[in-house]
């Protein structure tokens, strides 16, 4: 991210005065607009002051920490440096009480230290201390702290997280806390004014405003998101999107950016779905979703015409999983799913959301189009195993990449490679031990290890297993727009 230079106000004023003196004489005073003209100029523009005063106290700053292993030498080079210090500045040997007994080098001592991990935003939804934020704000954190606008700070308990919707529920010990009113995201309209309150770049209680650009933007994720032009930056994640009635209609979650900063497009999780997830997390600590076991694609106009479908709509079944509920219900490749449990499927991306919101174990009717005619099938919805599978995969990945360097990494997607303009590499998910000591961070890209290209996590794990713990390794690491070599000494396993 490019560094911005902030100038003191005095310097800016001086520059303006000098510019004004070139070519004409600056006026000695600036006349304010008459009150009537000022009121006319401001007519039609919203005033957010009362809205911010009303909702601001319920918006919180969230900071997270992570426990890492630090290594301290008990002698050796530290003793030598102290000896040199005493000899040079005092002209005498270092006193024995400061030296290592018998001059022996002690083995490095491992200590656990709590270090800052990240910052984000959130908002209180109940007077007894339930807080909503993004799952990615608290993911991987050892401790989570919630700070109110009145400067009170609480250690928060993570009640539950749902990575699929990026929603997390926290709990702090408090009563009669300020809270926000939950709105209805189904009733929002493109063009209406909204504000965001959060902590961009850790600047607490920052207010930005804009309009809703689109109501249900399909970003390829599980949820259709609310698109706005409200300025949202790193640190705003988890903060509320608030309408002019002071109601939360979304949770600020993502931005579209090629630079890492705001570029005029931001996205929020609809509050209706966020609250459904939050209710499940509060009651059981996890979210259950339905599944039927199909692979689907959109129905093009040409396909619709060829199969006699009146219009291009629905989800075209391209594969039915063996033994899945869809197979048991009689669904076949080439069928088009038009309705599920009475809800119309306009495009293929609608189906996973409709099925996912259906309670596992439910027996529902599914309307399909097959060979020029519509028919109904009855299907028993199963519980999705995607969340469980993802957890197992994550654990497996960490097991494969746990190593003498203390790096936990994941494979780069094709989209990430294209965006970063790299042919290969792995992205760091978390660090401890030696990696934390040399300031490696989540999000860093490891390109090479000892001048050998890193292709994926499997090859990286093999390379790490062969490292000589007596020698320093050298990583080529990409962070932002720059790459640098980082020496790192492995720890014995």
Protein backbone atom coordinates (compact mmCIF):
# COMPACT_ATOMS: atom_id res chain seq x y z
CA UNK A 1 0.00 0.00 0.00
CA UNK A 2 1.39 3.41 -0.95
CA UNK A 3 2.29 5.69 1.92
CA UNK A 4 0.42 8.98 2.14
CA UNK A 5 2.06 12.05 3.61
CA UNK A 6 -0.05 14.21 5.90
CA UNK A 7 0.81 17.89 6.07
CA UNK A 8 0.12 20.12 9.08
CA UNK A 9 -2.76 22.54 8.57
CA UNK A 10 -0.46 25.51 9.02
CA UNK A 11 1.65 24.47 6.03
CA UNK A 12 -1.43 24.01 3.86
CA UNK A 13 -2.69 27.51 4.76
CA UNK A 14 0.70 29.05 3.97
CA UNK A 15 0.78 27.37 0.58
CA UNK A 16 -2.67 28.67 -0.26
CA UNK A 17 -1.72 32.23 0.70
CA UNK A 18 1.40 32.16 -1.49
CA UNK A 19 -0.62 30.86 -4.43
CA UNK A 20 -3.23 33.57 -3.94
CA UNK A 21 -0.58 36.26 -4.08
CA UNK A 22 0.49 35.38 -7.60
CA UNK A 23 -1.33 37.50 -10.21
CA UNK A 24 -3.90 39.21 -8.01
CA UNK A 25 -4.37 40.78 -4.60
CA UNK A 26 -6.05 38.50 -2.09
CA UNK A 27 -9.09 39.94 -0.31
CA UNK A 28 -8.62 40.80 3.32
CA UNK A 29 -11.78 38.98 4.43
CA UNK A 30 -14.14 36.30 3.18
CA UNK A 31 -17.83 37.19 3.25
CA UNK A 32 -20.11 34.38 4.44
CA UNK A 33 -23.29 33.56 2.54
CA UNK A 34 -26.44 35.09 3.98
CA UNK A 35 -28.40 32.63 6.12
CA UNK A 36 -31.24 32.37 3.59
CA UNK A 37 -28.83 31.59 0.71
CA UNK A 38 -26.93 29.07 2.84
CA UNK A 39 -30.17 27.29 3.72
CA UNK A 40 -31.15 27.16 0.04
CA UNK A 41 -27.73 25.75 -0.91
CA UNK A 42 -28.05 23.01 1.71
CA UNK A 43 -31.65 22.19 0.84
CA UNK A 44 -32.10 18.53 -0.10
CA UNK A 45 -28.80 17.42 1.42
CA UNK A 46 -29.01 15.07 4.41
CA UNK A 47 -27.76 16.11 7.82
CA UNK A 48 -26.19 13.11 9.59
CA UNK A 49 -25.35 14.80 12.89
CA UNK A 50 -28.35 13.55 14.88
CA UNK A 51 -28.04 10.11 13.31
CA UNK A 52 -24.37 9.79 14.30
CA UNK A 53 -25.06 11.07 17.81
CA UNK A 54 -27.82 8.49 18.21
CA UNK A 55 -26.04 5.43 16.79
CA UNK A 56 -22.35 6.13 17.40
CA UNK A 57 -22.15 4.94 21.04
CA UNK A 58 -23.18 1.39 20.05
CA UNK A 59 -20.37 1.03 17.48
CA UNK A 60 -17.21 -0.54 18.90
CA UNK A 61 -13.55 -0.87 18.03
CA UNK A 62 -12.23 -4.43 18.02
CA UNK A 63 -8.58 -5.32 18.45
CA UNK A 64 -7.17 -8.82 18.45
CA UNK A 65 -3.96 -10.34 19.71
CA UNK A 66 -2.10 -13.53 18.98
CA UNK A 67 0.21 -15.56 21.19
CA UNK A 68 3.55 -16.30 19.54
CA UNK A 69 6.67 -18.09 20.68
CA UNK A 70 9.65 -15.82 21.24
CA UNK A 71 13.19 -17.08 21.67
CA UNK A 72 15.73 -15.49 24.00
CA UNK A 73 19.37 -16.42 24.24
CA UNK A 74 20.69 -17.09 27.71
CA UNK A 75 24.28 -16.24 26.91
CA UNK A 76 26.67 -16.39 23.97
CA UNK A 77 26.62 -13.28 21.79
CA UNK A 78 24.67 -11.26 24.41
CA UNK A 79 27.45 -11.85 26.97
CA UNK A 80 30.09 -10.88 24.43
CA UNK A 81 28.30 -7.62 23.67
CA UNK A 82 28.02 -6.78 27.38
CA UNK A 83 31.71 -7.57 27.88
CA UNK A 84 32.60 -5.18 25.06
CA UNK A 85 30.28 -2.51 26.52
CA UNK A 86 31.95 -2.59 29.96
CA UNK A 87 35.47 -2.68 28.49
CA UNK A 88 34.88 0.23 26.11
CA UNK A 89 32.97 2.62 28.38
CA UNK A 90 34.24 1.70 31.85
CA UNK A 91 37.68 0.28 31.12
CA UNK A 92 37.01 -2.72 33.37
CA UNK A 93 35.80 -6.27 32.81
CA UNK A 94 32.10 -6.96 33.22
CA UNK A 95 31.25 -7.87 36.86
CA UNK A 96 30.69 -11.55 37.50
CA UNK A 97 27.12 -11.06 38.64
CA UNK A 98 26.25 -9.89 35.10
CA UNK A 99 28.07 -12.66 33.32
CA UNK A 100 26.99 -16.18 32.48
CA UNK A 101 28.32 -18.65 35.07
CA UNK A 102 31.39 -20.58 33.88
CA UNK A 103 31.10 -18.79 30.53
CA UNK A 104 28.80 -21.48 29.15
CA UNK A 105 26.28 -20.64 26.47
CA UNK A 106 22.73 -21.40 27.49
CA UNK A 107 20.19 -22.85 25.11
CA UNK A 108 17.61 -20.43 23.71
CA UNK A 109 14.61 -20.11 25.99
CA UNK A 110 11.13 -20.22 24.52
CA UNK A 111 8.60 -17.73 25.85
CA UNK A 112 5.01 -17.07 24.85
CA UNK A 113 4.19 -13.45 24.13
CA UNK A 114 0.92 -11.77 23.21
CA UNK A 115 1.35 -9.51 20.18
CA UNK A 116 -1.13 -7.29 18.28
CA UNK A 117 -2.77 -9.09 15.38
CA UNK A 118 -5.31 -6.74 13.83
CA UNK A 119 -8.13 -4.25 14.27
CA UNK A 120 -11.70 -4.08 13.11
CA UNK A 121 -15.14 -2.80 13.97
CA UNK A 122 -18.38 -4.13 15.36
CA UNK A 123 -21.66 -3.06 16.93
CA UNK A 124 -23.71 -3.97 19.99
CA UNK A 125 -27.07 -5.61 19.28
CA UNK A 126 -28.29 -6.25 22.84
CA UNK A 127 -28.00 -4.39 26.13
CA UNK A 128 -26.45 -7.47 27.79
CA UNK A 129 -23.41 -7.35 25.52
CA UNK A 130 -23.83 -9.34 22.30
CA UNK A 131 -21.69 -7.86 19.51
CA UNK A 132 -21.76 -8.55 15.76
CA UNK A 133 -18.68 -8.32 13.54
CA UNK A 134 -17.01 -10.14 10.64
CA UNK A 135 -15.62 -13.64 11.07
CA UNK A 136 -12.36 -12.59 9.40
CA UNK A 137 -11.83 -9.89 12.04
CA UNK A 138 -11.47 -12.45 14.85
CA UNK A 139 -10.26 -15.47 12.87
CA UNK A 140 -7.09 -16.91 14.38
CA UNK A 141 -7.02 -14.50 17.32
CA UNK A 142 -5.91 -15.62 20.78
CA UNK A 143 -7.69 -12.76 22.54
CA UNK A 144 -10.35 -10.29 21.40
CA UNK A 145 -10.88 -6.88 23.01
CA UNK A 146 -13.90 -4.61 22.50
CA UNK A 147 -13.59 -0.88 23.12
CA UNK A 148 -16.59 1.45 23.44
CA UNK A 149 -16.72 5.13 22.55
CA UNK A 150 -16.66 6.01 26.28
CA UNK A 151 -13.19 4.34 26.40
CA UNK A 152 -14.36 1.29 28.37
CA UNK A 153 -12.63 -1.87 27.13
CA UNK A 154 -13.80 -5.45 27.61
CA UNK A 155 -12.21 -8.81 26.88
CA UNK A 156 -14.70 -10.54 24.58
CA UNK A 157 -15.69 -14.16 24.25
CA UNK A 158 -16.12 -15.46 20.70
CA UNK A 159 -19.55 -17.11 20.81
CA UNK A 160 -19.26 -18.44 17.26
CA UNK A 161 -18.14 -17.66 13.73
CA UNK A 162 -19.43 -18.57 10.28
CA UNK A 163 -16.81 -18.18 7.57
CA UNK A 164 -19.28 -18.81 4.77
CA UNK A 165 -21.23 -15.64 5.51
CA UNK A 166 -18.32 -13.92 7.31
CA UNK A 167 -20.39 -13.30 10.44
CA UNK A 168 -19.15 -13.59 14.04
CA UNK A 169 -20.90 -13.13 17.38
CA UNK A 170 -18.99 -11.87 20.44
CA UNK A 171 -20.09 -11.48 24.04
CA UNK A 172 -18.86 -8.92 26.55
CA UNK A 173 -19.83 -8.67 30.23
CA UNK A 174 -22.03 -5.62 30.57
CA UNK A 175 -25.58 -4.44 31.12
CA UNK A 176 -27.64 -1.51 29.93
CA UNK A 177 -25.16 -1.07 27.07
CA UNK A 178 -26.02 1.12 24.07
CA UNK A 179 -27.34 -0.96 21.18
CA UNK A 180 -28.36 -0.51 17.58
CA UNK A 181 -31.81 -1.16 16.16
CA UNK A 182 -31.94 -3.93 13.57
CA UNK A 183 -33.56 -2.90 10.28
CA UNK A 184 -34.96 -4.83 7.31
CA UNK A 185 -32.46 -5.26 4.48
CA UNK A 186 -35.23 -6.53 2.17
CA UNK A 187 -36.81 -3.08 2.21
CA UNK A 188 -33.75 -1.06 1.22
CA UNK A 189 -33.70 0.65 -2.17
CA UNK A 190 -30.90 1.63 -4.53
CA UNK A 191 -30.22 5.35 -4.19
CA UNK A 192 -31.12 5.77 -0.51
CA UNK A 193 -28.62 7.38 1.85
CA UNK A 194 -26.65 5.26 4.31
CA UNK A 195 -23.68 5.80 6.62
CA UNK A 196 -20.87 3.57 7.86
CA UNK A 197 -19.23 3.95 11.26
CA UNK A 198 -16.02 2.11 12.08
CA UNK A 199 -12.27 2.22 12.62
CA UNK A 200 -10.53 2.46 9.23
CA UNK A 201 -6.78 2.19 9.73
CA UNK A 202 -7.57 2.11 13.49
CA UNK A 203 -9.06 5.64 13.35
CA UNK A 204 -11.90 5.00 15.80
CA UNK A 205 -15.47 6.29 15.31
CA UNK A 206 -14.95 7.41 11.74
CA UNK A 207 -18.18 8.26 9.90
CA UNK A 208 -18.53 8.02 6.12
CA UNK A 209 -21.66 8.41 4.00
CA UNK A 210 -22.97 7.46 0.59
CA UNK A 211 -25.84 5.71 -1.14
CA UNK A 212 -26.86 2.14 -1.82
CA UNK A 213 -25.63 1.33 -5.33
CA UNK A 214 -27.25 -2.08 -5.73
CA UNK A 215 -29.48 -4.12 -3.46
CA UNK A 216 -28.41 -7.71 -4.19
CA UNK A 217 -25.04 -7.88 -5.89
CA UNK A 218 -24.00 -11.41 -6.73
CA UNK A 219 -20.27 -11.56 -5.95
CA UNK A 220 -19.94 -15.33 -6.30
CA UNK A 221 -20.08 -15.84 -2.55
CA UNK A 222 -22.84 -17.54 -0.58
CA UNK A 223 -24.76 -14.30 -0.06
CA UNK A 224 -25.97 -11.55 -2.41
CA UNK A 225 -24.34 -8.45 -0.92
CA UNK A 226 -25.42 -4.83 -0.63
CA UNK A 227 -23.24 -2.62 -2.83
CA UNK A 228 -22.62 0.98 -1.75
CA UNK A 229 -20.32 3.88 -2.56
CA UNK A 230 -19.67 4.53 1.14
CA UNK A 231 -15.93 4.89 1.83
CA UNK A 232 -14.84 1.68 3.57
CA UNK A 233 -11.22 0.74 4.26
CA UNK A 234 -9.26 -1.85 6.27
CA UNK A 235 -10.48 -1.56 9.86
CA UNK A 236 -14.09 -0.84 8.82
CA UNK A 237 -14.72 -4.59 8.60
CA UNK A 238 -17.52 -5.65 10.90
CA UNK A 239 -18.95 -2.16 11.35
CA UNK A 240 -22.61 -1.28 10.70
CA UNK A 241 -24.22 0.10 7.57
CA UNK A 242 -26.98 2.36 8.88
CA UNK A 243 -30.00 3.87 7.12
CA UNK A 244 -31.45 7.32 7.78
CA UNK A 245 -33.83 5.90 10.40
CA UNK A 246 -30.87 4.78 12.51
CA UNK A 247 -31.37 1.09 11.71
CA UNK A 248 -28.62 -1.38 10.80
CA UNK A 249 -29.22 -2.78 7.32
CA UNK A 250 -25.84 -4.43 6.75
CA UNK A 251 -22.40 -5.36 8.08
CA UNK A 252 -19.55 -3.77 6.13
CA UNK A 253 -17.44 -6.65 4.91
CA UNK A 254 -15.61 -6.22 1.60
CA UNK A 255 -14.29 -3.70 -0.88
CA UNK A 256 -13.49 -3.94 -4.55
CA UNK A 257 -9.93 -2.74 -4.90
CA UNK A 258 -6.81 -3.10 -7.00
CA UNK A 259 -4.71 -1.09 -4.59
CA UNK A 260 -5.83 -2.46 -1.21
CA UNK A 261 -7.72 0.74 -0.43
CA UNK A 262 -11.16 2.17 -1.19
CA UNK A 263 -11.95 2.65 -4.89
CA UNK A 264 -15.61 3.67 -4.76
CA UNK A 265 -17.21 0.24 -4.35
CA UNK A 266 -17.89 -1.48 -1.03
CA UNK A 267 -20.07 -4.39 0.02
CA UNK A 268 -22.10 -5.20 3.12
CA UNK A 269 -23.72 -8.40 4.39
CA UNK A 270 -27.53 -7.99 4.49
CA UNK A 271 -28.57 -7.74 8.14
CA UNK A 272 -31.49 -10.16 7.68
CA UNK A 273 -29.15 -13.02 6.82
CA UNK A 274 -26.57 -11.91 9.38
CA UNK A 275 -29.18 -12.08 12.16
CA UNK A 276 -30.32 -15.55 11.06
CA UNK A 277 -26.73 -16.71 11.31
CA UNK A 278 -26.22 -14.88 14.61
CA UNK A 279 -29.27 -16.54 16.15
CA UNK A 280 -27.89 -19.99 15.31
CA UNK A 281 -24.44 -19.08 16.62
CA UNK A 282 -25.92 -17.83 19.90
CA UNK A 283 -28.03 -20.95 20.39
CA UNK A 284 -25.59 -23.67 19.30
CA UNK A 285 -22.27 -22.05 18.38
CA UNK A 286 -22.54 -23.29 14.78
CA UNK A 287 -24.63 -22.89 11.65
CA UNK A 288 -26.43 -25.77 9.96
CA UNK A 289 -27.37 -25.62 6.27
CA UNK A 290 -29.21 -27.82 3.87
CA UNK A 291 -27.71 -29.60 0.89
CA UNK A 292 -29.04 -31.76 -1.95
CA UNK A 293 -25.82 -32.76 -3.76
CA UNK A 294 -25.85 -31.27 -7.27
CA UNK A 295 -23.56 -29.28 -9.51
CA UNK A 296 -25.35 -26.56 -11.43
CA UNK A 297 -24.90 -23.83 -14.03
CA UNK A 298 -26.91 -20.98 -15.53
CA UNK A 299 -29.54 -21.53 -18.21
CA UNK A 300 -28.62 -19.54 -21.32
CA UNK A 301 -31.18 -18.19 -23.77
CA UNK A 302 -30.06 -20.71 -26.39
CA UNK A 303 -30.44 -23.64 -23.98
CA UNK A 304 -33.87 -22.44 -22.85
CA UNK A 305 -35.07 -22.29 -26.46
CA UNK A 306 -33.65 -25.71 -27.29
CA UNK A 307 -35.42 -27.46 -24.37
CA UNK A 308 -38.68 -25.56 -24.75
CA UNK A 309 -38.33 -23.52 -21.55
CA UNK A 310 -40.43 -20.32 -21.88
CA UNK A 311 -37.60 -18.11 -20.58
CA UNK A 312 -33.97 -18.42 -19.48
CA UNK A 313 -34.30 -19.08 -15.78
CA UNK A 314 -33.51 -21.70 -13.16
CA UNK A 315 -30.48 -23.83 -12.35
CA UNK A 316 -29.30 -26.37 -14.94
CA UNK A 317 -28.19 -29.62 -13.30
CA UNK A 318 -24.82 -30.68 -14.72
CA UNK A 319 -24.05 -33.46 -12.24
CA UNK A 320 -25.88 -35.36 -9.52
CA UNK A 321 -23.74 -36.75 -6.71
CA UNK A 322 -23.99 -40.47 -6.12
CA UNK A 323 -26.08 -41.28 -3.06
CA UNK A 324 -27.03 -37.64 -2.50
CA UNK A 325 -30.58 -36.48 -1.71
CA UNK A 326 -30.97 -35.27 -5.31
CA UNK A 327 -30.27 -38.74 -6.71
CA UNK A 328 -32.66 -40.36 -4.24
CA UNK A 329 -35.35 -37.87 -5.29
CA UNK A 330 -34.93 -38.82 -8.97
CA UNK A 331 -33.17 -35.68 -10.20
CA UNK A 332 -31.18 -36.22 -13.42
CA UNK A 333 -28.45 -34.49 -15.38
CA UNK A 334 -30.02 -31.94 -17.74
CA UNK A 335 -32.96 -31.14 -15.47
CA UNK A 336 -33.62 -27.47 -14.73
CA UNK A 337 -34.63 -26.61 -11.17
CA UNK A 338 -37.27 -23.85 -11.34
CA UNK A 339 -38.53 -23.74 -7.75
CA UNK A 340 -37.33 -25.10 -4.44
CA UNK A 341 -39.64 -25.25 -1.45
CA UNK A 342 -41.96 -22.76 -3.18
CA UNK A 343 -39.22 -20.19 -3.88
CA UNK A 344 -38.45 -19.33 -7.51
CA UNK A 345 -34.92 -19.95 -8.78
CA UNK A 346 -34.21 -17.12 -11.22
CA UNK A 347 -30.50 -17.91 -11.69
CA UNK A 348 -28.22 -20.74 -10.63
CA UNK A 349 -26.62 -18.76 -7.79
CA UNK A 350 -30.05 -18.51 -6.10
CA UNK A 351 -30.27 -22.27 -5.51
CA UNK A 352 -27.39 -22.73 -3.00
CA UNK A 353 -28.78 -19.87 -0.92
CA UNK A 354 -32.33 -21.23 -0.94
CA UNK A 355 -31.23 -24.79 -0.18
CA UNK A 356 -28.74 -23.60 2.44
CA UNK A 357 -31.44 -21.71 4.32
CA UNK A 358 -33.66 -24.83 4.39
CA UNK A 359 -33.54 -26.77 7.65
CA UNK A 360 -31.78 -30.13 7.28
CA UNK A 361 -34.24 -33.01 7.58
CA UNK A 362 -37.02 -31.07 5.85
CA UNK A 363 -39.01 -32.81 3.11
CA UNK A 364 -39.77 -30.23 0.42
CA UNK A 365 -41.16 -30.01 -3.10
CA UNK A 366 -38.85 -29.13 -5.97
CA UNK A 367 -40.25 -28.02 -9.36
CA UNK A 368 -38.14 -29.00 -12.36
CA UNK A 369 -38.24 -28.81 -16.16
CA UNK A 370 -37.52 -32.07 -17.99
CA UNK A 371 -38.00 -32.89 -21.68
CA UNK A 372 -40.33 -30.01 -22.43
CA UNK A 373 -42.57 -30.29 -19.38
CA UNK A 374 -42.64 -29.24 -15.75
CA UNK A 375 -42.93 -31.74 -12.91
CA UNK A 376 -42.56 -31.86 -9.15
CA UNK A 377 -40.19 -34.00 -7.10
CA UNK A 378 -40.12 -34.50 -3.34
CA UNK A 379 -36.67 -34.29 -1.76
CA UNK A 380 -35.35 -34.85 1.76
CA UNK A 381 -32.79 -32.10 2.53
CA UNK A 382 -29.56 -33.26 4.16
CA UNK A 383 -27.11 -31.25 6.26
CA UNK A 384 -24.19 -29.75 4.41
CA UNK A 385 -20.78 -31.18 5.20
CA UNK A 386 -18.92 -28.32 3.57
CA UNK A 387 -18.13 -26.55 6.82
CA UNK A 388 -16.82 -29.76 8.40
CA UNK A 389 -14.80 -30.60 5.31
CA UNK A 390 -13.31 -27.13 5.25
CA UNK A 391 -12.27 -27.46 8.87
CA UNK A 392 -10.59 -30.80 8.21
CA UNK A 393 -8.84 -29.43 5.16
CA UNK A 394 -7.59 -26.43 7.12
CA UNK A 395 -6.24 -28.69 9.87
CA UNK A 396 -4.60 -30.94 7.31
CA UNK A 397 -3.03 -27.95 5.59
CA UNK A 398 -1.63 -26.67 8.86
CA UNK A 399 -0.33 -30.12 9.76
CA UNK A 400 1.41 -30.40 6.42
CA UNK A 401 2.97 -26.96 6.72
CA UNK A 402 3.88 -26.98 10.40
CA UNK A 403 7.61 -26.72 10.20
CA UNK A 404 10.88 -25.52 11.67
CA UNK A 405 10.09 -21.98 10.49
CA UNK A 406 6.71 -21.69 12.24
CA UNK A 407 4.80 -20.90 9.03
CA UNK A 408 1.26 -22.04 8.26
CA UNK A 409 0.45 -21.47 4.60
CA UNK A 410 -2.22 -22.06 1.96
CA UNK A 411 -2.09 -22.46 -1.81
CA UNK A 412 -2.63 -19.39 -3.97
CA UNK A 413 -5.74 -19.43 -6.12
CA UNK A 414 -5.51 -18.71 -9.84
CA UNK A 415 -7.23 -15.38 -9.22
CA UNK A 416 -4.64 -14.44 -6.57
CA UNK A 417 -1.77 -15.39 -8.88
CA UNK A 418 -3.24 -13.24 -11.64
CA UNK A 419 -3.82 -10.29 -9.31
CA UNK A 420 -0.32 -10.53 -7.81
CA UNK A 421 1.29 -11.31 -11.19
CA UNK A 422 3.17 -14.33 -9.83
CA UNK A 423 3.47 -17.82 -11.32
CA UNK A 424 3.63 -19.67 -8.02
CA UNK A 425 4.00 -19.32 -4.27
CA UNK A 426 2.06 -19.85 -1.04
CA UNK A 427 0.22 -17.33 1.12
CA UNK A 428 0.95 -17.23 4.85
CA UNK A 429 -2.16 -17.77 7.01
CA UNK A 430 -0.51 -17.58 10.44
CA UNK A 431 2.94 -17.59 12.03
CA UNK A 432 4.66 -18.41 15.30
CA UNK A 433 8.17 -18.94 16.64
CA UNK A 434 10.97 -18.01 14.22
CA UNK A 435 8.56 -16.62 11.59
CA UNK A 436 6.95 -14.26 14.09
CA UNK A 437 10.36 -13.18 15.36
CA UNK A 438 11.41 -11.92 11.88
CA UNK A 439 8.07 -10.10 11.40
CA UNK A 440 6.53 -12.42 8.82
CA UNK A 441 2.78 -11.75 8.70
CA UNK A 442 -0.46 -13.34 7.50
CA UNK A 443 -0.99 -12.34 3.88
CA UNK A 444 2.72 -12.39 2.97
CA UNK A 445 3.50 -14.45 -0.13
CA UNK A 446 6.45 -16.88 0.03
CA UNK A 447 7.96 -17.05 -3.46
CA UNK A 448 11.21 -18.96 -2.91
CA UNK A 449 12.98 -20.91 -0.18
CA UNK A 450 16.78 -20.97 -0.46
CA UNK A 451 16.49 -19.77 -4.09
CA UNK A 452 14.12 -22.60 -5.07
CA UNK A 453 10.67 -21.60 -6.35
CA UNK A 454 7.82 -22.53 -4.00
CA UNK A 455 5.05 -24.05 -6.09
CA UNK A 456 2.43 -25.13 -3.52
CA UNK A 457 2.00 -26.13 0.12
CA UNK A 458 2.78 -29.80 -0.52
CA UNK A 459 6.15 -29.01 -2.12
CA UNK A 460 6.79 -26.32 0.52
CA UNK A 461 6.24 -28.86 3.31
CA UNK A 462 8.71 -31.26 1.65
CA UNK A 463 11.32 -28.51 1.37
CA UNK A 464 10.84 -27.52 5.00
CA UNK A 465 11.26 -31.09 6.20
CA UNK A 466 14.72 -31.17 4.60
CA UNK A 467 15.97 -27.93 6.16
CA UNK A 468 19.20 -28.02 8.14
CA UNK A 469 18.32 -26.54 11.53
CA UNK A 470 21.96 -25.53 12.02
CA UNK A 471 21.86 -23.12 9.09
CA UNK A 472 19.74 -20.05 8.38
CA UNK A 473 17.22 -20.36 5.57
CA UNK A 474 16.42 -17.50 3.19
CA UNK A 475 12.89 -16.73 2.01
CA UNK A 476 11.90 -14.41 -0.82
CA UNK A 477 8.70 -12.81 0.45
CA UNK A 478 6.23 -10.58 -1.36
CA UNK A 479 4.36 -8.02 0.75
CA UNK A 480 2.17 -5.53 -1.06
CA UNK A 481 4.03 -4.27 -4.12
CA UNK A 482 7.54 -5.17 -2.93
CA UNK A 483 9.57 -8.35 -2.46
CA UNK A 484 12.55 -8.90 -0.16
CA UNK A 485 14.80 -11.67 1.09
CA UNK A 486 14.32 -12.59 4.75
CA UNK A 487 16.88 -14.79 6.59
CA UNK A 488 15.29 -17.02 9.21
CA UNK A 489 16.87 -19.62 11.48
CA UNK A 490 14.89 -22.86 11.80
CA UNK A 491 14.04 -24.30 15.19
CA UNK A 492 14.72 -27.92 16.03
CA UNK A 493 11.60 -30.14 16.04
